[in-house]
Amino acid sequence: MIFSAPRLRSGTLKVWCLSGVEDIRIKIIMSLHVEILTPSQALFKGDADEVVAPSVNGEVGLLPQHTEYLTLLQAGALSVRQADQTKTFDITGGLLTVAQDYVTVLVDGVLLPSTS
């Protein structure tokens, strides 16, 4: 049985098949799609569980299903968590947007990333 359920996160899906209607319980792992870009290169493209960024209004944490968001970034540590691994980028400032689980970070400059 093949079905498509765009943007479906978890719950019960009703599927019509030859034997009638069946309820199928599904659980989809949620994640953010993250892109970190400088004027000259893409630093990171991939999925993440969490992003923590140095907003000009204070540190902001982003999880899947975050509301649409736009903020300026100040110099500081930008962290991207994937399962049990965290990548940290020391940025000099920039812009961050969130729309439908897509996080785009445009940074002015960055120092070398570290992994923990």
N, C-alpha and C. Protein backbone atom coordinates (compact mmCIF):
# COMPACT_ATOMS: atom_id res chain seq x y z
N MET A 1 0.85 -1.17 0.00
CA MET A 1 0.00 0.00 0.00
C MET A 1 0.90 1.23 0.00
N ILE A 2 0.71 2.12 -0.93
CA ILE A 2 1.51 3.34 -1.04
C ILE A 2 0.58 4.53 -0.86
N PHE A 3 0.99 5.47 -0.03
CA PHE A 3 0.19 6.68 0.14
C PHE A 3 1.12 7.86 0.37
N SER A 4 0.60 9.02 0.14
CA SER A 4 1.36 10.24 0.33
C SER A 4 0.56 11.16 1.23
N ALA A 5 1.21 11.70 2.24
CA ALA A 5 0.55 12.61 3.18
C ALA A 5 1.47 13.78 3.45
N PRO A 6 1.51 14.78 2.58
CA PRO A 6 2.43 15.90 2.78
C PRO A 6 2.14 16.66 4.06
N ARG A 7 3.19 17.00 4.78
CA ARG A 7 3.14 17.79 6.01
C ARG A 7 2.39 17.07 7.14
N LEU A 8 2.09 15.79 7.01
CA LEU A 8 1.44 15.03 8.07
C LEU A 8 2.48 14.65 9.08
N ARG A 9 2.25 14.91 10.33
CA ARG A 9 3.25 14.65 11.36
C ARG A 9 3.01 13.34 12.10
N SER A 10 1.85 13.15 12.67
CA SER A 10 1.55 11.90 13.34
C SER A 10 0.04 11.83 13.51
N GLY A 11 -0.43 10.65 13.81
CA GLY A 11 -1.86 10.49 14.01
C GLY A 11 -2.38 9.28 13.27
N THR A 12 -3.66 9.32 12.91
CA THR A 12 -4.29 8.22 12.22
C THR A 12 -4.65 8.64 10.81
N LEU A 13 -4.32 7.81 9.86
CA LEU A 13 -4.61 8.09 8.47
C LEU A 13 -5.62 7.06 7.98
N LYS A 14 -6.70 7.50 7.35
CA LYS A 14 -7.69 6.58 6.79
C LYS A 14 -7.28 6.26 5.36
N VAL A 15 -7.20 4.98 5.05
CA VAL A 15 -6.79 4.52 3.74
C VAL A 15 -7.89 3.65 3.16
N TRP A 16 -8.29 3.93 1.93
CA TRP A 16 -9.30 3.14 1.26
C TRP A 16 -8.60 2.08 0.42
N CYS A 17 -8.98 0.84 0.60
CA CYS A 17 -8.40 -0.24 -0.17
C CYS A 17 -9.52 -1.21 -0.56
N LEU A 18 -9.18 -2.30 -1.22
CA LEU A 18 -10.19 -3.23 -1.71
C LEU A 18 -11.03 -3.84 -0.60
N SER A 19 -10.45 -4.03 0.56
CA SER A 19 -11.18 -4.65 1.67
C SER A 19 -11.98 -3.63 2.49
N GLY A 20 -11.92 -2.37 2.15
CA GLY A 20 -12.66 -1.34 2.88
C GLY A 20 -11.73 -0.26 3.41
N VAL A 21 -12.21 0.46 4.41
CA VAL A 21 -11.43 1.55 5.00
C VAL A 21 -10.64 1.00 6.18
N GLU A 22 -9.37 1.31 6.20
CA GLU A 22 -8.52 0.89 7.30
C GLU A 22 -7.89 2.11 7.95
N ASP A 23 -7.73 2.05 9.27
CA ASP A 23 -7.02 3.10 9.99
C ASP A 23 -5.57 2.65 10.15
N ILE A 24 -4.66 3.51 9.77
CA ILE A 24 -3.24 3.20 9.90
C ILE A 24 -2.63 4.24 10.82
N ARG A 25 -2.01 3.80 11.88
CA ARG A 25 -1.33 4.72 12.80
C ARG A 25 0.05 5.00 12.24
N ILE A 26 0.39 6.27 12.19
CA ILE A 26 1.70 6.65 11.67
C ILE A 26 2.37 7.64 12.62
N LYS A 27 3.66 7.62 12.58
CA LYS A 27 4.44 8.62 13.31
C LYS A 27 5.62 8.99 12.43
N ILE A 28 5.73 10.23 12.10
CA ILE A 28 6.80 10.71 11.26
C ILE A 28 7.75 11.55 12.10
N ILE A 29 9.01 11.29 11.96
CA ILE A 29 10.01 12.05 12.71
C ILE A 29 10.06 13.46 12.16
N MET A 30 9.95 14.44 13.04
CA MET A 30 9.94 15.84 12.62
C MET A 30 11.36 16.39 12.62
N SER A 31 11.64 17.24 11.67
CA SER A 31 12.94 17.90 11.64
C SER A 31 12.82 19.22 10.89
N LEU A 32 13.83 20.02 11.05
CA LEU A 32 13.95 21.29 10.33
C LEU A 32 14.90 21.08 9.15
N HIS A 33 14.64 21.72 8.03
CA HIS A 33 15.62 21.75 6.95
C HIS A 33 16.37 23.07 7.10
N VAL A 34 17.68 22.99 7.24
CA VAL A 34 18.49 24.16 7.57
C VAL A 34 19.50 24.43 6.47
N GLU A 35 19.62 25.70 6.09
CA GLU A 35 20.67 26.15 5.19
C GLU A 35 21.36 27.34 5.84
N ILE A 36 22.69 27.25 5.94
CA ILE A 36 23.50 28.35 6.46
C ILE A 36 24.40 28.80 5.31
N LEU A 37 24.22 30.06 4.90
CA LEU A 37 24.90 30.58 3.71
C LEU A 37 25.70 31.83 4.01
N THR A 38 26.88 31.93 3.39
CA THR A 38 27.66 33.16 3.42
C THR A 38 27.60 33.74 2.01
N PRO A 39 28.09 34.94 1.80
CA PRO A 39 28.11 35.48 0.44
C PRO A 39 28.90 34.61 -0.55
N SER A 40 29.85 33.83 -0.06
CA SER A 40 30.72 33.07 -0.96
C SER A 40 30.48 31.56 -0.99
N GLN A 41 29.76 31.00 0.03
CA GLN A 41 29.61 29.55 0.06
C GLN A 41 28.45 29.12 0.95
N ALA A 42 28.04 27.87 0.78
CA ALA A 42 27.06 27.24 1.67
C ALA A 42 27.84 26.52 2.76
N LEU A 43 27.61 26.91 4.01
CA LEU A 43 28.32 26.29 5.12
C LEU A 43 27.66 24.99 5.57
N PHE A 44 26.33 24.95 5.48
CA PHE A 44 25.59 23.78 5.96
C PHE A 44 24.27 23.69 5.22
N LYS A 45 23.94 22.50 4.78
CA LYS A 45 22.62 22.20 4.21
C LYS A 45 22.24 20.83 4.71
N GLY A 46 21.11 20.73 5.39
CA GLY A 46 20.68 19.43 5.89
C GLY A 46 19.56 19.56 6.90
N ASP A 47 19.17 18.42 7.45
CA ASP A 47 18.11 18.39 8.45
C ASP A 47 18.69 18.52 9.84
N ALA A 48 17.89 19.08 10.74
CA ALA A 48 18.33 19.27 12.12
C ALA A 48 17.14 19.13 13.06
N ASP A 49 17.44 18.79 14.29
CA ASP A 49 16.42 18.69 15.33
C ASP A 49 16.18 20.03 16.02
N GLU A 50 17.24 20.85 16.05
CA GLU A 50 17.15 22.13 16.76
C GLU A 50 18.20 23.08 16.22
N VAL A 51 17.85 24.38 16.20
CA VAL A 51 18.80 25.43 15.84
C VAL A 51 18.75 26.48 16.95
N VAL A 52 19.91 26.90 17.43
CA VAL A 52 20.00 27.96 18.43
C VAL A 52 20.85 29.07 17.83
N ALA A 53 20.29 30.30 17.80
CA ALA A 53 20.97 31.41 17.12
C ALA A 53 21.03 32.65 18.01
N PRO A 54 22.08 33.48 17.81
CA PRO A 54 22.24 34.71 18.60
C PRO A 54 21.48 35.89 17.98
N SER A 55 20.19 35.98 18.26
CA SER A 55 19.38 37.09 17.75
C SER A 55 19.79 38.40 18.42
N VAL A 56 19.51 39.52 17.77
CA VAL A 56 19.82 40.82 18.39
C VAL A 56 18.94 41.06 19.62
N ASN A 57 17.84 40.31 19.75
CA ASN A 57 16.96 40.42 20.92
C ASN A 57 17.22 39.34 21.95
N GLY A 58 18.29 38.59 21.79
CA GLY A 58 18.61 37.50 22.70
C GLY A 58 18.68 36.19 21.95
N GLU A 59 19.13 35.16 22.62
CA GLU A 59 19.27 33.85 21.99
C GLU A 59 17.90 33.28 21.64
N VAL A 60 17.77 32.69 20.45
CA VAL A 60 16.50 32.11 20.01
C VAL A 60 16.73 30.63 19.69
N GLY A 61 15.83 29.79 20.17
CA GLY A 61 15.87 28.36 19.89
C GLY A 61 14.73 27.99 18.95
N LEU A 62 15.03 27.21 17.93
CA LEU A 62 14.04 26.83 16.93
C LEU A 62 13.90 25.32 16.90
N LEU A 63 12.66 24.85 16.96
CA LEU A 63 12.32 23.44 16.88
C LEU A 63 11.37 23.23 15.71
N PRO A 64 11.16 21.98 15.27
CA PRO A 64 10.20 21.74 14.20
C PRO A 64 8.82 22.32 14.53
N GLN A 65 8.12 22.76 13.51
CA GLN A 65 6.81 23.39 13.57
C GLN A 65 6.84 24.78 14.22
N HIS A 66 8.02 25.41 14.20
CA HIS A 66 8.12 26.78 14.72
C HIS A 66 7.32 27.71 13.81
N THR A 67 6.71 28.72 14.39
CA THR A 67 5.97 29.69 13.60
C THR A 67 6.91 30.46 12.68
N GLU A 68 6.35 31.08 11.64
CA GLU A 68 7.19 31.87 10.74
C GLU A 68 7.88 32.96 11.55
N TYR A 69 9.13 33.22 11.19
CA TYR A 69 9.96 34.08 12.03
C TYR A 69 11.04 34.73 11.19
N LEU A 70 11.39 35.96 11.53
CA LEU A 70 12.46 36.70 10.86
C LEU A 70 13.19 37.50 11.92
N THR A 71 14.51 37.43 11.95
CA THR A 71 15.27 38.18 12.93
C THR A 71 16.67 38.50 12.41
N LEU A 72 17.22 39.58 12.91
CA LEU A 72 18.62 39.92 12.66
C LEU A 72 19.47 39.16 13.67
N LEU A 73 20.65 38.76 13.26
CA LEU A 73 21.56 38.05 14.14
C LEU A 73 22.75 38.92 14.48
N GLN A 74 23.23 38.77 15.70
CA GLN A 74 24.44 39.45 16.13
C GLN A 74 25.58 38.44 16.17
N ALA A 75 26.78 38.91 16.43
CA ALA A 75 27.93 38.02 16.53
C ALA A 75 27.72 37.03 17.68
N GLY A 76 28.09 35.78 17.45
CA GLY A 76 27.94 34.77 18.49
C GLY A 76 27.93 33.38 17.91
N ALA A 77 27.52 32.41 18.73
CA ALA A 77 27.52 31.00 18.34
C ALA A 77 26.17 30.60 17.76
N LEU A 78 26.19 30.03 16.58
CA LEU A 78 25.02 29.49 15.91
C LEU A 78 25.17 27.97 15.96
N SER A 79 24.23 27.28 16.62
CA SER A 79 24.33 25.83 16.80
C SER A 79 23.24 25.10 16.04
N VAL A 80 23.63 24.00 15.43
CA VAL A 80 22.70 23.12 14.72
C VAL A 80 22.84 21.73 15.32
N ARG A 81 21.73 21.22 15.92
CA ARG A 81 21.78 19.89 16.56
C ARG A 81 21.10 18.86 15.66
N GLN A 82 21.83 17.78 15.40
CA GLN A 82 21.33 16.64 14.65
C GLN A 82 21.52 15.41 15.52
N ALA A 83 20.42 14.86 16.03
CA ALA A 83 20.47 13.70 16.93
C ALA A 83 21.43 13.99 18.09
N ASP A 84 22.54 13.27 18.17
CA ASP A 84 23.47 13.47 19.29
C ASP A 84 24.70 14.28 18.91
N GLN A 85 24.67 14.92 17.75
CA GLN A 85 25.81 15.72 17.30
C GLN A 85 25.40 17.18 17.12
N THR A 86 26.24 18.10 17.57
CA THR A 86 25.99 19.53 17.43
C THR A 86 27.13 20.18 16.67
N LYS A 87 26.77 20.95 15.63
CA LYS A 87 27.75 21.74 14.90
C LYS A 87 27.56 23.18 15.31
N THR A 88 28.66 23.84 15.62
CA THR A 88 28.62 25.23 16.06
C THR A 88 29.43 26.09 15.11
N PHE A 89 28.83 27.21 14.70
CA PHE A 89 29.49 28.17 13.83
C PHE A 89 29.57 29.50 14.56
N ASP A 90 30.75 30.08 14.64
CA ASP A 90 30.92 31.40 15.25
C ASP A 90 30.69 32.43 14.15
N ILE A 91 29.55 33.10 14.19
CA ILE A 91 29.18 34.04 13.13
C ILE A 91 29.42 35.48 13.55
N THR A 92 29.49 36.36 12.57
CA THR A 92 29.71 37.78 12.86
C THR A 92 28.43 38.59 12.74
N GLY A 93 27.32 37.93 12.43
CA GLY A 93 26.03 38.59 12.29
C GLY A 93 25.34 38.11 11.04
N GLY A 94 24.08 38.50 10.88
CA GLY A 94 23.36 38.09 9.68
C GLY A 94 21.86 38.19 9.83
N LEU A 95 21.16 37.30 9.13
CA LEU A 95 19.70 37.30 9.08
C LEU A 95 19.23 35.86 9.13
N LEU A 96 18.13 35.61 9.87
CA LEU A 96 17.58 34.26 9.98
C LEU A 96 16.09 34.31 9.67
N THR A 97 15.62 33.36 8.85
CA THR A 97 14.19 33.25 8.56
C THR A 97 13.74 31.81 8.80
N VAL A 98 12.48 31.67 9.22
CA VAL A 98 11.85 30.37 9.38
C VAL A 98 10.52 30.42 8.64
N ALA A 99 10.28 29.41 7.79
CA ALA A 99 9.00 29.28 7.09
C ALA A 99 8.76 27.81 6.81
N GLN A 100 7.71 27.26 7.38
CA GLN A 100 7.30 25.87 7.15
C GLN A 100 8.43 24.87 7.35
N ASP A 101 9.08 24.92 8.49
CA ASP A 101 10.17 24.03 8.87
C ASP A 101 11.43 24.18 8.02
N TYR A 102 11.53 25.28 7.27
CA TYR A 102 12.75 25.62 6.55
C TYR A 102 13.41 26.81 7.25
N VAL A 103 14.64 26.61 7.68
CA VAL A 103 15.40 27.67 8.35
C VAL A 103 16.52 28.09 7.40
N THR A 104 16.53 29.37 7.06
CA THR A 104 17.59 29.92 6.21
C THR A 104 18.34 30.95 7.02
N VAL A 105 19.66 30.78 7.08
CA VAL A 105 20.51 31.71 7.81
C VAL A 105 21.50 32.30 6.83
N LEU A 106 21.44 33.61 6.66
CA LEU A 106 22.39 34.34 5.82
C LEU A 106 23.36 35.04 6.76
N VAL A 107 24.61 34.65 6.73
CA VAL A 107 25.58 35.23 7.67
C VAL A 107 26.57 36.11 6.94
N ASP A 108 27.02 37.16 7.62
CA ASP A 108 27.99 38.08 7.06
C ASP A 108 29.37 37.43 6.96
N GLY A 109 29.73 36.71 8.01
CA GLY A 109 31.03 36.05 8.07
C GLY A 109 31.01 35.00 9.15
N VAL A 110 31.97 34.08 9.09
CA VAL A 110 32.01 32.96 10.04
C VAL A 110 33.45 32.54 10.28
N LEU A 111 33.70 32.09 11.52
CA LEU A 111 34.99 31.48 11.85
C LEU A 111 34.84 29.98 11.63
N LEU A 112 35.88 29.20 11.80
CA LEU A 112 35.82 27.77 11.55
C LEU A 112 34.82 27.07 12.49
N PRO A 113 34.04 26.10 11.95
CA PRO A 113 33.08 25.40 12.79
C PRO A 113 33.76 24.41 13.72
N SER A 114 33.10 24.12 14.83
CA SER A 114 33.59 23.09 15.75
C SER A 114 32.48 22.07 15.95
N THR A 115 32.84 20.82 16.20
CA THR A 115 31.86 19.74 16.40
C THR A 115 32.04 19.17 17.79
N SER A 116 30.90 18.94 18.47
CA SER A 116 30.99 18.34 19.79
C SER A 116 30.14 17.11 19.88
